[in-house]
Amino acid sequence: MLSVRGRWLLRPVGAVALFFARRPVERGFREAVEKAAAQWNTALAELTPRHGDALRVEIADALTETEPG
């Protein structure tokens, strides 16, 4: 026995909408991940000259920062 709950009319409409929106959503997700990876690589490259306590202080400051920038 199969039991399905929810809005019976919105499920098929949502499925069709997601079917056609799949490529733009995938592309947007992929671009966001690539951008985040590029930012991570840039940040990591800036941190590599530092070591020891200076690096720990920089990481702690970045993690506790309340506003970006």
C-alpha atoms as a PDB file:
ATOM      1  CA  MET A   1       0.000   0.000   0.000  1.00  0.00           C
ATOM      2  CA  LEU A   2       1.308   3.445  -0.928  1.00  0.00           C
ATOM      3  CA  SER A   3       0.310   6.548   0.951  1.00  0.00           C
ATOM      4  CA  VAL A   4       1.052  10.005  -0.427  1.00  0.00           C
ATOM      5  CA  ARG A   5       0.401  13.182   1.494  1.00  0.00           C
ATOM      6  CA  GLY A   6       0.452  16.770   0.374  1.00  0.00           C
ATOM      7  CA  ARG A   7      -1.189  19.066  -2.100  1.00  0.00           C
ATOM      8  CA  TRP A   8      -2.355  16.770  -4.863  1.00  0.00           C
ATOM      9  CA  LEU A   9      -2.447  19.489  -7.539  1.00  0.00           C
ATOM     10  CA  LEU A  10       0.878  21.116  -6.671  1.00  0.00           C
ATOM     11  CA  ARG A  11       2.938  17.928  -6.820  1.00  0.00           C
ATOM     12  CA  PRO A  12       2.652  17.381 -10.595  1.00  0.00           C
ATOM     13  CA  VAL A  13       3.009  21.103 -11.298  1.00  0.00           C
ATOM     14  CA  GLY A  14       6.110  21.250  -9.091  1.00  0.00           C
ATOM     15  CA  ALA A  15       7.557  18.177 -10.776  1.00  0.00           C
ATOM     16  CA  VAL A  16       7.119  19.699 -14.231  1.00  0.00           C
ATOM     17  CA  ALA A  17       8.574  23.037 -13.099  1.00  0.00           C
ATOM     18  CA  LEU A  18      11.603  21.316 -11.583  1.00  0.00           C
ATOM     19  CA  PHE A  19      12.039  19.219 -14.711  1.00  0.00           C
ATOM     20  CA  PHE A  20      12.364  22.333 -16.871  1.00  0.00           C
ATOM     21  CA  ALA A  21      14.374  24.298 -14.287  1.00  0.00           C
ATOM     22  CA  ARG A  22      16.913  21.528 -13.755  1.00  0.00           C
ATOM     23  CA  ARG A  23      19.628  22.822 -16.072  1.00  0.00           C
ATOM     24  CA  PRO A  24      19.582  26.448 -14.837  1.00  0.00           C
ATOM     25  CA  VAL A  25      19.617  25.257 -11.231  1.00  0.00           C
ATOM     26  CA  GLU A  26      22.520  22.882 -11.905  1.00  0.00           C
ATOM     27  CA  ARG A  27      24.426  25.611 -13.746  1.00  0.00           C
ATOM     28  CA  GLY A  28      23.859  28.112 -10.935  1.00  0.00           C
ATOM     29  CA  PHE A  29      24.957  25.597  -8.321  1.00  0.00           C
ATOM     30  CA  ARG A  30      28.056  24.674 -10.318  1.00  0.00           C
ATOM     31  CA  GLU A  31      29.009  28.339 -10.784  1.00  0.00           C
ATOM     32  CA  ALA A  32      28.509  29.046  -7.081  1.00  0.00           C
ATOM     33  CA  VAL A  33      30.709  26.100  -6.091  1.00  0.00           C
ATOM     34  CA  GLU A  34      33.419  27.146  -8.550  1.00  0.00           C
ATOM     35  CA  LYS A  35      33.312  30.721  -7.236  1.00  0.00           C
ATOM     36  CA  ALA A  36      33.567  29.510  -3.632  1.00  0.00           C
ATOM     37  CA  ALA A  37      36.504  27.273  -4.573  1.00  0.00           C
ATOM     38  CA  ALA A  38      38.274  30.182  -6.277  1.00  0.00           C
ATOM     39  CA  GLN A  39      37.748  32.392  -3.216  1.00  0.00           C
ATOM     40  CA  TRP A  40      39.030  29.597  -0.973  1.00  0.00           C
ATOM     41  CA  ASN A  41      42.128  29.167  -3.133  1.00  0.00           C
ATOM     42  CA  THR A  42      42.792  32.925  -3.029  1.00  0.00           C
ATOM     43  CA  ALA A  43      42.372  33.059   0.743  1.00  0.00           C
ATOM     44  CA  LEU A  44      44.563  30.010   1.221  1.00  0.00           C
ATOM     45  CA  ALA A  45      47.293  31.477  -0.989  1.00  0.00           C
ATOM     46  CA  GLU A  46      47.311  34.610   1.183  1.00  0.00           C
ATOM     47  CA  LEU A  47      47.677  32.533   4.356  1.00  0.00           C
ATOM     48  CA  THR A  48      50.517  30.271   3.234  1.00  0.00           C
ATOM     49  CA  PRO A  49      53.338  32.783   3.902  1.00  0.00           C
ATOM     50  CA  ARG A  50      52.181  32.945   7.520  1.00  0.00           C
ATOM     51  CA  HIS A  51      52.854  30.161   9.954  1.00  0.00           C
ATOM     52  CA  GLY A  52      52.479  29.242  13.593  1.00  0.00           C
ATOM     53  CA  ASP A  53      50.798  31.757  15.879  1.00  0.00           C
ATOM     54  CA  ALA A  54      50.283  34.356  13.142  1.00  0.00           C
ATOM     55  CA  LEU A  55      48.310  31.848  11.089  1.00  0.00           C
ATOM     56  CA  ARG A  56      46.221  30.740  14.071  1.00  0.00           C
ATOM     57  CA  VAL A  57      45.371  34.362  14.914  1.00  0.00           C
ATOM     58  CA  GLU A  58      44.373  35.090  11.305  1.00  0.00           C
ATOM     59  CA  ILE A  59      42.096  32.042  11.147  1.00  0.00           C
ATOM     60  CA  ALA A  60      40.515  32.812  14.530  1.00  0.00           C
ATOM     61  CA  ASP A  61      39.843  36.400  13.456  1.00  0.00           C
ATOM     62  CA  ALA A  62      38.253  35.257  10.192  1.00  0.00           C
ATOM     63  CA  LEU A  63      36.023  32.740  11.976  1.00  0.00           C
ATOM     64  CA  THR A  64      34.812  35.223  14.564  1.00  0.00           C
ATOM     65  CA  GLU A  65      34.329  38.122  12.151  1.00  0.00           C
ATOM     66  CA  THR A  66      30.703  39.295  12.195  1.00  0.00           C
ATOM     67  CA  GLU A  67      30.668  41.250   8.923  1.00  0.00           C
ATOM     68  CA  PRO A  68      32.452  40.280   5.710  1.00  0.00           C
ATOM     69  CA  GLY A  69      35.251  42.572   4.596  1.00  0.00           C
END
